[in-house]
Amino acid sequence: MSAAGILPSMVAALACGAVGGLYLAAGIAKLRDPDHFLGTMAAYRLLPDGLLAPAAWMLAGLETMLGVMMLAGVAVRWAGVAAALLFGVFAAAMAINVLRGRVNLSCGCLPGLAGARLSWLSVVRTLALAPLALVPVMVRLPGSWLLRGQSLVAGACLLALALSLSNLLSSDGAGEERSA
């Protein structure tokens, strides 16, 4: 197969690795500190108190499961659709609170983004991840396990780089103020 023929499959695996890495990291963070995540969910004021704990555990488990499935390349079409729908749910929850004027809430995304606050930009960013999750739904992953594995790992690495860049850009130069 030519390089041009394999390229769409590798892009699908990159997307799968990035989305899978995102969901796995988010799910594990929520499972490791369920009280913090429960507080974040309660702050959104979208569910009755009696449903918060079951919803928090279900959501953390679902994110972890989707991350594992996408990183392992198992049932990626189902996982991609579920991941895209979940991004839509997250964006809707954020948008509802932005419309309410409640922007001083954590997005609840990842532990490294705990300082991220709600805004229309966070809503758009979350919605933009949905098409990325659908790439492996539309394009098959590479048939070669070696290419598939390399592309999945590369996608997870791209996610780590993007998160690092996001943290650097949002740091406000706080380190410079402390050293002065």
N, C-alpha and C. Protein backbone atom coordinates (compact mmCIF):
# COMPACT_ATOMS: atom_id res chain seq x y z
N MET A 1 0.84 -1.18 0.00
CA MET A 1 0.00 0.00 0.00
C MET A 1 0.89 1.24 0.00
N SER A 2 0.47 2.24 -0.76
CA SER A 2 1.26 3.47 -0.86
C SER A 2 1.11 4.32 0.40
N ALA A 3 2.03 5.27 0.52
CA ALA A 3 1.99 6.18 1.68
C ALA A 3 0.69 6.97 1.69
N ALA A 4 0.23 7.40 0.50
CA ALA A 4 -1.02 8.17 0.43
C ALA A 4 -2.21 7.31 0.84
N GLY A 5 -2.13 6.01 0.58
CA GLY A 5 -3.22 5.11 0.94
C GLY A 5 -3.30 4.83 2.43
N ILE A 6 -2.16 4.83 3.09
CA ILE A 6 -2.13 4.53 4.53
C ILE A 6 -2.34 5.78 5.38
N LEU A 7 -2.13 6.96 4.79
CA LEU A 7 -2.20 8.21 5.55
C LEU A 7 -3.54 8.41 6.27
N PRO A 8 -4.70 8.23 5.60
CA PRO A 8 -5.96 8.42 6.34
C PRO A 8 -6.09 7.48 7.54
N SER A 9 -5.63 6.25 7.39
CA SER A 9 -5.69 5.30 8.51
C SER A 9 -4.81 5.74 9.67
N MET A 10 -3.66 6.28 9.34
CA MET A 10 -2.76 6.76 10.40
C MET A 10 -3.33 7.99 11.09
N VAL A 11 -3.97 8.87 10.32
CA VAL A 11 -4.63 10.04 10.92
C VAL A 11 -5.75 9.57 11.86
N ALA A 12 -6.49 8.55 11.44
CA ALA A 12 -7.55 8.00 12.30
C ALA A 12 -6.95 7.46 13.59
N ALA A 13 -5.81 6.79 13.50
CA ALA A 13 -5.17 6.25 14.70
C ALA A 13 -4.62 7.37 15.58
N LEU A 14 -4.09 8.43 14.96
CA LEU A 14 -3.64 9.59 15.74
C LEU A 14 -4.80 10.20 16.52
N ALA A 15 -5.94 10.37 15.84
CA ALA A 15 -7.13 10.93 16.49
C ALA A 15 -7.59 10.01 17.61
N CYS A 16 -7.56 8.72 17.35
CA CYS A 16 -7.96 7.73 18.34
C CYS A 16 -7.04 7.80 19.57
N GLY A 17 -5.75 7.94 19.33
CA GLY A 17 -4.80 8.04 20.44
C GLY A 17 -4.99 9.31 21.25
N ALA A 18 -5.24 10.43 20.57
CA ALA A 18 -5.42 11.70 21.27
C ALA A 18 -6.70 11.69 22.11
N VAL A 19 -7.80 11.27 21.51
CA VAL A 19 -9.08 11.25 22.23
C VAL A 19 -9.04 10.18 23.33
N GLY A 20 -8.46 9.03 23.01
CA GLY A 20 -8.35 7.97 24.01
C GLY A 20 -7.49 8.40 25.19
N GLY A 21 -6.38 9.06 24.90
CA GLY A 21 -5.51 9.56 25.98
C GLY A 21 -6.22 10.59 26.84
N LEU A 22 -6.98 11.47 26.20
CA LEU A 22 -7.73 12.50 26.92
C LEU A 22 -8.74 11.86 27.86
N TYR A 23 -9.53 10.93 27.34
CA TYR A 23 -10.56 10.30 28.17
C TYR A 23 -9.95 9.43 29.27
N LEU A 24 -8.88 8.72 28.96
CA LEU A 24 -8.26 7.88 29.99
C LEU A 24 -7.70 8.74 31.12
N ALA A 25 -6.99 9.81 30.77
CA ALA A 25 -6.43 10.70 31.80
C ALA A 25 -7.54 11.35 32.63
N ALA A 26 -8.60 11.80 31.96
CA ALA A 26 -9.71 12.44 32.67
C ALA A 26 -10.42 11.45 33.58
N GLY A 27 -10.69 10.26 33.08
CA GLY A 27 -11.39 9.26 33.87
C GLY A 27 -10.60 8.82 35.09
N ILE A 28 -9.31 8.58 34.90
CA ILE A 28 -8.47 8.15 36.03
C ILE A 28 -8.37 9.26 37.08
N ALA A 29 -8.24 10.51 36.62
CA ALA A 29 -8.17 11.63 37.57
C ALA A 29 -9.45 11.70 38.41
N LYS A 30 -10.59 11.47 37.78
CA LYS A 30 -11.86 11.52 38.51
C LYS A 30 -12.00 10.35 39.46
N LEU A 31 -11.52 9.19 39.06
CA LEU A 31 -11.58 8.02 39.94
C LEU A 31 -10.62 8.14 41.12
N ARG A 32 -9.50 8.81 40.92
CA ARG A 32 -8.51 8.97 41.99
C ARG A 32 -8.96 9.99 43.04
N ASP A 33 -9.75 10.98 42.63
CA ASP A 33 -10.22 12.01 43.56
C ASP A 33 -11.71 12.23 43.36
N PRO A 34 -12.52 11.22 43.73
CA PRO A 34 -13.95 11.32 43.47
C PRO A 34 -14.64 12.46 44.20
N ASP A 35 -14.15 12.83 45.38
CA ASP A 35 -14.78 13.93 46.12
C ASP A 35 -14.63 15.26 45.38
N HIS A 36 -13.45 15.48 44.83
CA HIS A 36 -13.22 16.71 44.06
C HIS A 36 -14.14 16.75 42.83
N PHE A 37 -14.22 15.63 42.13
CA PHE A 37 -15.07 15.58 40.94
C PHE A 37 -16.54 15.74 41.32
N LEU A 38 -16.94 15.13 42.41
CA LEU A 38 -18.32 15.27 42.88
C LEU A 38 -18.63 16.73 43.19
N GLY A 39 -17.68 17.44 43.79
CA GLY A 39 -17.86 18.87 44.05
C GLY A 39 -17.97 19.68 42.77
N THR A 40 -17.17 19.31 41.77
CA THR A 40 -17.24 20.00 40.48
C THR A 40 -18.60 19.78 39.84
N MET A 41 -19.07 18.53 39.88
CA MET A 41 -20.39 18.24 39.29
C MET A 41 -21.50 18.98 40.04
N ALA A 42 -21.41 19.02 41.35
CA ALA A 42 -22.43 19.72 42.15
C ALA A 42 -22.45 21.21 41.81
N ALA A 43 -21.27 21.78 41.58
CA ALA A 43 -21.18 23.21 41.28
C ALA A 43 -21.89 23.58 39.97
N TYR A 44 -22.01 22.63 39.07
CA TYR A 44 -22.69 22.89 37.80
C TYR A 44 -24.20 23.04 37.98
N ARG A 45 -24.74 22.50 39.07
CA ARG A 45 -26.17 22.60 39.40
C ARG A 45 -27.07 22.12 38.26
N LEU A 46 -26.74 20.96 37.72
CA LEU A 46 -27.54 20.40 36.64
C LEU A 46 -28.30 19.14 37.04
N LEU A 47 -27.89 18.51 38.13
CA LEU A 47 -28.51 17.26 38.57
C LEU A 47 -28.99 17.41 40.01
N PRO A 48 -30.07 16.69 40.36
CA PRO A 48 -30.48 16.67 41.77
C PRO A 48 -29.39 16.01 42.62
N ASP A 49 -29.31 16.40 43.87
CA ASP A 49 -28.26 15.89 44.77
C ASP A 49 -28.21 14.37 44.82
N GLY A 50 -29.36 13.72 44.78
CA GLY A 50 -29.40 12.26 44.86
C GLY A 50 -28.79 11.56 43.66
N LEU A 51 -28.68 12.24 42.55
CA LEU A 51 -28.10 11.64 41.35
C LEU A 51 -26.63 11.97 41.14
N LEU A 52 -26.10 12.90 41.94
CA LEU A 52 -24.72 13.34 41.72
C LEU A 52 -23.70 12.21 41.86
N ALA A 53 -23.74 11.48 42.96
CA ALA A 53 -22.73 10.43 43.18
C ALA A 53 -22.81 9.33 42.12
N PRO A 54 -24.01 8.78 41.84
CA PRO A 54 -24.06 7.75 40.80
C PRO A 54 -23.62 8.28 39.43
N ALA A 55 -24.01 9.50 39.12
CA ALA A 55 -23.62 10.09 37.83
C ALA A 55 -22.11 10.31 37.76
N ALA A 56 -21.51 10.74 38.87
CA ALA A 56 -20.07 10.97 38.89
C ALA A 56 -19.31 9.67 38.67
N TRP A 57 -19.72 8.61 39.36
CA TRP A 57 -19.04 7.31 39.19
C TRP A 57 -19.25 6.77 37.79
N MET A 58 -20.47 6.91 37.26
CA MET A 58 -20.75 6.42 35.92
C MET A 58 -19.91 7.18 34.89
N LEU A 59 -19.85 8.49 35.03
CA LEU A 59 -19.10 9.31 34.09
C LEU A 59 -17.60 9.00 34.14
N ALA A 60 -17.05 8.89 35.33
CA ALA A 60 -15.62 8.56 35.46
C ALA A 60 -15.32 7.18 34.87
N GLY A 61 -16.20 6.23 35.13
CA GLY A 61 -16.02 4.88 34.57
C GLY A 61 -16.15 4.87 33.06
N LEU A 62 -17.12 5.61 32.54
CA LEU A 62 -17.32 5.68 31.09
C LEU A 62 -16.12 6.32 30.40
N GLU A 63 -15.62 7.41 30.96
CA GLU A 63 -14.45 8.06 30.37
C GLU A 63 -13.25 7.11 30.36
N THR A 64 -13.04 6.42 31.47
CA THR A 64 -11.92 5.48 31.55
C THR A 64 -12.08 4.36 30.53
N MET A 65 -13.28 3.81 30.44
CA MET A 65 -13.54 2.72 29.51
C MET A 65 -13.35 3.18 28.06
N LEU A 66 -13.87 4.35 27.71
CA LEU A 66 -13.69 4.86 26.35
C LEU A 66 -12.22 5.10 26.04
N GLY A 67 -11.48 5.62 27.01
CA GLY A 67 -10.05 5.84 26.80
C GLY A 67 -9.31 4.55 26.54
N VAL A 68 -9.60 3.53 27.33
CA VAL A 68 -8.94 2.23 27.15
C VAL A 68 -9.31 1.64 25.80
N MET A 69 -10.59 1.70 25.45
CA MET A 69 -11.02 1.13 24.17
C MET A 69 -10.34 1.82 23.00
N MET A 70 -10.27 3.14 23.04
CA MET A 70 -9.68 3.86 21.91
C MET A 70 -8.17 3.65 21.85
N LEU A 71 -7.50 3.63 22.99
CA LEU A 71 -6.06 3.41 22.99
C LEU A 71 -5.70 1.98 22.61
N ALA A 72 -6.56 1.03 22.96
CA ALA A 72 -6.31 -0.37 22.61
C ALA A 72 -6.76 -0.68 21.19
N GLY A 73 -7.50 0.23 20.58
CA GLY A 73 -8.00 -0.01 19.23
C GLY A 73 -9.12 -1.04 19.19
N VAL A 74 -9.88 -1.13 20.29
CA VAL A 74 -10.95 -2.11 20.41
C VAL A 74 -12.30 -1.40 20.25
N ALA A 75 -13.11 -1.85 19.33
CA ALA A 75 -14.45 -1.28 19.09
C ALA A 75 -14.38 0.24 18.97
N VAL A 76 -13.41 0.72 18.18
CA VAL A 76 -13.18 2.16 18.10
C VAL A 76 -14.34 2.91 17.46
N ARG A 77 -15.10 2.25 16.62
CA ARG A 77 -16.24 2.95 16.02
C ARG A 77 -17.30 3.25 17.08
N TRP A 78 -17.62 2.27 17.91
CA TRP A 78 -18.57 2.50 18.98
C TRP A 78 -18.01 3.53 19.95
N ALA A 79 -16.75 3.36 20.32
CA ALA A 79 -16.12 4.27 21.28
C ALA A 79 -16.05 5.69 20.73
N GLY A 80 -15.77 5.83 19.43
CA GLY A 80 -15.70 7.16 18.81
C GLY A 80 -17.04 7.88 18.84
N VAL A 81 -18.11 7.15 18.53
CA VAL A 81 -19.45 7.75 18.58
C VAL A 81 -19.79 8.15 20.01
N ALA A 82 -19.54 7.25 20.96
CA ALA A 82 -19.83 7.55 22.37
C ALA A 82 -19.00 8.74 22.85
N ALA A 83 -17.73 8.80 22.45
CA ALA A 83 -16.86 9.91 22.86
C ALA A 83 -17.36 11.23 22.29
N ALA A 84 -17.78 11.22 21.03
CA ALA A 84 -18.30 12.45 20.40
C ALA A 84 -19.58 12.91 21.10
N LEU A 85 -20.46 11.97 21.41
CA LEU A 85 -21.70 12.33 22.12
C LEU A 85 -21.38 12.90 23.50
N LEU A 86 -20.42 12.30 24.17
CA LEU A 86 -20.03 12.78 25.50
C LEU A 86 -19.44 14.18 25.44
N PHE A 87 -18.65 14.47 24.40
CA PHE A 87 -18.15 15.84 24.22
C PHE A 87 -19.33 16.80 24.06
N GLY A 88 -20.37 16.38 23.35
CA GLY A 88 -21.56 17.21 23.19
C GLY A 88 -22.26 17.47 24.52
N VAL A 89 -22.35 16.45 25.36
CA VAL A 89 -22.96 16.60 26.69
C VAL A 89 -22.14 17.57 27.53
N PHE A 90 -20.81 17.40 27.51
CA PHE A 90 -19.94 18.30 28.28
C PHE A 90 -20.09 19.74 27.80
N ALA A 91 -20.12 19.94 26.49
CA ALA A 91 -20.26 21.30 25.94
C ALA A 91 -21.60 21.91 26.33
N ALA A 92 -22.66 21.10 26.32
CA ALA A 92 -23.98 21.60 26.71
C ALA A 92 -23.99 22.01 28.18
N ALA A 93 -23.38 21.20 29.04
CA ALA A 93 -23.31 21.53 30.48
C ALA A 93 -22.54 22.83 30.69
N MET A 94 -21.45 23.00 29.95
CA MET A 94 -20.68 24.24 30.06
C MET A 94 -21.49 25.42 29.56
N ALA A 95 -22.13 25.26 28.41
CA ALA A 95 -22.90 26.36 27.81
C ALA A 95 -24.04 26.80 28.72
N ILE A 96 -24.71 25.86 29.34
CA ILE A 96 -25.81 26.20 30.26
C ILE A 96 -25.28 27.10 31.38
N ASN A 97 -24.14 26.75 31.93
CA ASN A 97 -23.59 27.55 33.03
C ASN A 97 -23.03 28.88 32.55
N VAL A 98 -22.46 28.94 31.35
CA VAL A 98 -22.01 30.23 30.81
C VAL A 98 -23.23 31.13 30.61
N LEU A 99 -24.32 30.58 30.08
CA LEU A 99 -25.54 31.37 29.90
C LEU A 99 -26.11 31.85 31.23
N ARG A 100 -25.94 31.08 32.27
CA ARG A 100 -26.39 31.47 33.61
C ARG A 100 -25.46 32.50 34.24
N GLY A 101 -24.32 32.76 33.59
CA GLY A 101 -23.35 33.70 34.15
C GLY A 101 -22.44 33.06 35.18
N ARG A 102 -22.45 31.75 35.25
CA ARG A 102 -21.65 31.02 36.24
C ARG A 102 -20.35 30.56 35.58
N VAL A 103 -19.44 31.50 35.35
CA VAL A 103 -18.21 31.20 34.62
C VAL A 103 -17.02 30.92 35.55
N ASN A 104 -17.19 31.09 36.84
CA ASN A 104 -16.08 30.84 37.76
C ASN A 104 -16.05 29.39 38.23
N LEU A 105 -16.52 28.50 37.38
CA LEU A 105 -16.49 27.07 37.67
C LEU A 105 -15.33 26.43 36.93
N SER A 106 -14.77 25.39 37.51
CA SER A 106 -13.75 24.61 36.81
C SER A 106 -14.42 23.86 35.67
N CYS A 107 -13.71 23.72 34.57
CA CYS A 107 -14.29 22.95 33.47
C CYS A 107 -14.40 21.48 33.84
N GLY A 108 -13.62 21.01 34.81
CA GLY A 108 -13.68 19.62 35.23
C GLY A 108 -13.04 18.68 34.22
N CYS A 109 -12.20 19.23 33.37
CA CYS A 109 -11.63 18.45 32.26
C CYS A 109 -10.55 17.48 32.71
N LEU A 110 -9.44 18.01 33.09
CA LEU A 110 -8.26 17.21 33.46
C LEU A 110 -7.60 17.82 34.68
N PRO A 111 -6.81 17.03 35.41
CA PRO A 111 -6.16 17.59 36.60
C PRO A 111 -5.23 18.75 36.27
N GLY A 112 -4.57 18.74 35.15
CA GLY A 112 -3.67 19.83 34.78
C GLY A 112 -4.40 21.09 34.39
N LEU A 113 -5.70 20.97 34.15
CA LEU A 113 -6.49 22.13 33.74
C LEU A 113 -7.46 22.55 34.84
N ALA A 114 -7.14 22.25 36.07
CA ALA A 114 -8.04 22.56 37.19
C ALA A 114 -8.33 24.05 37.28
N GLY A 115 -7.42 24.88 36.84
CA GLY A 115 -7.63 26.32 36.89
C GLY A 115 -8.43 26.86 35.72
N ALA A 116 -8.71 26.02 34.74
CA ALA A 116 -9.47 26.47 33.56
C ALA A 116 -10.90 26.79 33.97
N ARG A 117 -11.37 27.94 33.57
CA ARG A 117 -12.72 28.38 33.91
C ARG A 117 -13.61 28.31 32.68
N LEU A 118 -14.91 28.31 32.92
CA LEU A 118 -15.86 28.22 31.82
C LEU A 118 -15.89 29.51 31.01
N SER A 119 -16.01 29.33 29.71
CA SER A 119 -16.15 30.45 28.79
C SER A 119 -16.72 29.88 27.50
N TRP A 120 -17.08 30.78 26.60
CA TRP A 120 -17.54 30.29 25.30
C TRP A 120 -16.40 29.60 24.57
N LEU A 121 -15.18 30.00 24.82
CA LEU A 121 -14.04 29.33 24.20
C LEU A 121 -13.94 27.88 24.67
N SER A 122 -14.18 27.63 25.96
CA SER A 122 -14.13 26.25 26.44
C SER A 122 -15.26 25.41 25.85
N VAL A 123 -16.41 26.04 25.62
CA VAL A 123 -17.53 25.33 24.97
C VAL A 123 -17.15 24.96 23.54
N VAL A 124 -16.60 25.92 22.80
CA VAL A 124 -16.21 25.68 21.41
C VAL A 124 -15.09 24.64 21.34
N ARG A 125 -14.12 24.74 22.24
CA ARG A 125 -13.01 23.78 22.26
C ARG A 125 -13.53 22.36 22.50
N THR A 126 -14.47 22.23 23.40
CA THR A 126 -15.03 20.91 23.69
C THR A 126 -15.82 20.39 22.50
N LEU A 127 -16.60 21.26 21.87
CA LEU A 127 -17.35 20.85 20.67
C LEU A 127 -16.41 20.47 19.53
N ALA A 128 -15.27 21.14 19.44
CA ALA A 128 -14.31 20.85 18.36
C ALA A 128 -13.69 19.46 18.52
N LEU A 129 -13.72 18.91 19.71
CA LEU A 129 -13.17 17.58 19.92
C LEU A 129 -14.09 16.48 19.39
N ALA A 130 -15.38 16.77 19.24
CA ALA A 130 -16.33 15.76 18.76
C ALA A 130 -15.97 15.25 17.36
N PRO A 131 -15.72 16.13 16.38
CA PRO A 131 -15.33 15.60 15.06
C PRO A 131 -14.04 14.78 15.10
N LEU A 132 -13.11 15.17 15.98
CA LEU A 132 -11.87 14.41 16.12
C LEU A 132 -12.18 12.98 16.58
N ALA A 133 -13.13 12.85 17.51
CA ALA A 133 -13.52 11.53 18.00
C ALA A 133 -14.19 10.69 16.92
N LEU A 134 -14.78 11.36 15.92
CA LEU A 134 -15.48 10.64 14.86
C LEU A 134 -14.57 10.21 13.71
N VAL A 135 -13.35 10.70 13.66
CA VAL A 135 -12.43 10.31 12.57
C VAL A 135 -12.26 8.79 12.53
N PRO A 136 -12.00 8.11 13.67
CA PRO A 136 -11.85 6.65 13.59
C PRO A 136 -13.16 5.92 13.28
N VAL A 137 -14.28 6.63 13.38
CA VAL A 137 -15.56 6.04 13.00
C VAL A 137 -15.66 5.98 11.47
N MET A 138 -15.13 7.01 10.82
CA MET A 138 -15.25 7.13 9.36
C MET A 138 -14.11 6.47 8.61
N VAL A 139 -12.94 6.35 9.24
CA VAL A 139 -11.76 5.79 8.57
C VAL A 139 -11.20 4.66 9.44
N ARG A 140 -10.97 3.53 8.82
CA ARG A 140 -10.41 2.39 9.57
C ARG A 140 -8.99 2.68 10.05
N LEU A 141 -8.66 2.10 11.19
CA LEU A 141 -7.29 2.17 11.69
C LEU A 141 -6.38 1.33 10.80
N PRO A 142 -5.07 1.58 10.82
CA PRO A 142 -4.16 0.79 9.99
C PRO A 142 -4.28 -0.70 10.30
N GLY A 143 -4.15 -1.53 9.27
CA GLY A 143 -4.21 -2.97 9.46
C GLY A 143 -2.99 -3.51 10.18
N SER A 144 -1.86 -2.88 9.98
CA SER A 144 -0.63 -3.30 10.64
C SER A 144 -0.67 -2.89 12.11
N TRP A 145 -0.47 -3.87 12.99
CA TRP A 145 -0.50 -3.57 14.42
C TRP A 145 0.63 -2.62 14.82
N LEU A 146 1.75 -2.72 14.12
CA LEU A 146 2.87 -1.83 14.42
C LEU A 146 2.52 -0.38 14.08
N LEU A 147 1.99 -0.16 12.88
CA LEU A 147 1.59 1.20 12.49
C LEU A 147 0.47 1.71 13.39
N ARG A 148 -0.47 0.84 13.70
CA ARG A 148 -1.58 1.23 14.57
C ARG A 148 -1.06 1.66 15.93
N GLY A 149 -0.20 0.84 16.51
CA GLY A 149 0.35 1.16 17.83
C GLY A 149 1.16 2.44 17.84
N GLN A 150 2.00 2.60 16.81
CA GLN A 150 2.80 3.83 16.73
C GLN A 150 1.91 5.06 16.59
N SER A 151 0.88 4.96 15.78
CA SER A 151 -0.01 6.10 15.57
C SER A 151 -0.81 6.42 16.82
N LEU A 152 -1.27 5.39 17.54
CA LEU A 152 -2.02 5.62 18.77
C LEU A 152 -1.15 6.31 19.82
N VAL A 153 0.08 5.84 19.96
CA VAL A 153 1.01 6.46 20.91
C VAL A 153 1.34 7.89 20.49
N ALA A 154 1.55 8.09 19.20
CA ALA A 154 1.83 9.45 18.70
C ALA A 154 0.66 10.38 18.98
N GLY A 155 -0.57 9.89 18.83
CA GLY A 155 -1.74 10.71 19.14
C GLY A 155 -1.79 11.09 20.61
N ALA A 156 -1.48 10.15 21.49
CA ALA A 156 -1.44 10.46 22.92
C ALA A 156 -0.34 11.47 23.22
N CYS A 157 0.78 11.36 22.52
CA CYS A 157 1.88 12.33 22.71
C CYS A 157 1.46 13.72 22.22
N LEU A 158 0.75 13.78 21.10
CA LEU A 158 0.26 15.07 20.61
C LEU A 158 -0.69 15.71 21.62
N LEU A 159 -1.53 14.89 22.25
CA LEU A 159 -2.42 15.40 23.29
C LEU A 159 -1.61 15.99 24.44
N ALA A 160 -0.59 15.27 24.89
CA ALA A 160 0.25 15.76 25.99
C ALA A 160 0.93 17.08 25.62
N LEU A 161 1.40 17.18 24.39
CA LEU A 161 2.02 18.44 23.94
C LEU A 161 1.00 19.57 23.91
N ALA A 162 -0.20 19.30 23.42
CA ALA A 162 -1.24 20.33 23.35
C ALA A 162 -1.61 20.81 24.75
N LEU A 163 -1.73 19.88 25.70
CA LEU A 163 -2.07 20.26 27.08
C LEU A 163 -0.94 21.06 27.72
N SER A 164 0.29 20.67 27.44
CA SER A 164 1.43 21.42 27.97
C SER A 164 1.46 22.84 27.42
N LEU A 165 1.22 22.97 26.13
CA LEU A 165 1.18 24.29 25.51
C LEU A 165 0.06 25.13 26.09
N SER A 166 -1.10 24.51 26.30
CA SER A 166 -2.23 25.22 26.88
C SER A 166 -1.90 25.73 28.28
N ASN A 167 -1.24 24.90 29.08
CA ASN A 167 -0.84 25.32 30.43
C ASN A 167 0.19 26.44 30.39
N LEU A 168 1.13 26.36 29.47
CA LEU A 168 2.14 27.41 29.34
C LEU A 168 1.51 28.74 28.93
N LEU A 169 0.58 28.69 28.00
CA LEU A 169 -0.05 29.92 27.51
C LEU A 169 -0.96 30.55 28.55
N SER A 170 -1.52 29.74 29.44
CA SER A 170 -2.44 30.29 30.44
C SER A 170 -1.77 30.59 31.77
N SER A 171 -0.45 30.48 31.84
CA SER A 171 0.23 30.66 33.12
C SER A 171 0.35 32.11 33.56
N ASP A 172 0.02 33.08 32.71
CA ASP A 172 0.03 34.52 33.05
C ASP A 172 1.40 35.05 33.45
N GLY A 173 2.43 34.30 33.30
CA GLY A 173 3.74 34.77 33.77
C GLY A 173 3.82 34.83 35.28
N ALA A 174 3.05 33.98 35.97
CA ALA A 174 3.01 34.00 37.43
C ALA A 174 4.38 33.72 38.03
N GLY A 175 5.18 32.89 37.36
CA GLY A 175 6.51 32.60 37.87
C GLY A 175 7.39 33.83 37.86
N GLU A 176 7.21 34.71 36.87
CA GLU A 176 8.01 35.93 36.79
C GLU A 176 7.67 36.88 37.93
N GLU A 177 6.40 36.94 38.32
CA GLU A 177 5.99 37.85 39.39
C GLU A 177 6.57 37.41 40.72
N ARG A 178 6.66 36.12 40.96
CA ARG A 178 7.18 35.62 42.23
C ARG A 178 8.67 35.86 42.35
N SER A 179 9.39 35.81 41.24
CA SER A 179 10.84 35.96 41.33
C SER A 179 11.26 37.42 41.43
N ALA A 180 10.37 38.34 41.14
CA ALA A 180 10.73 39.77 41.18
C ALA A 180 10.73 40.32 42.58
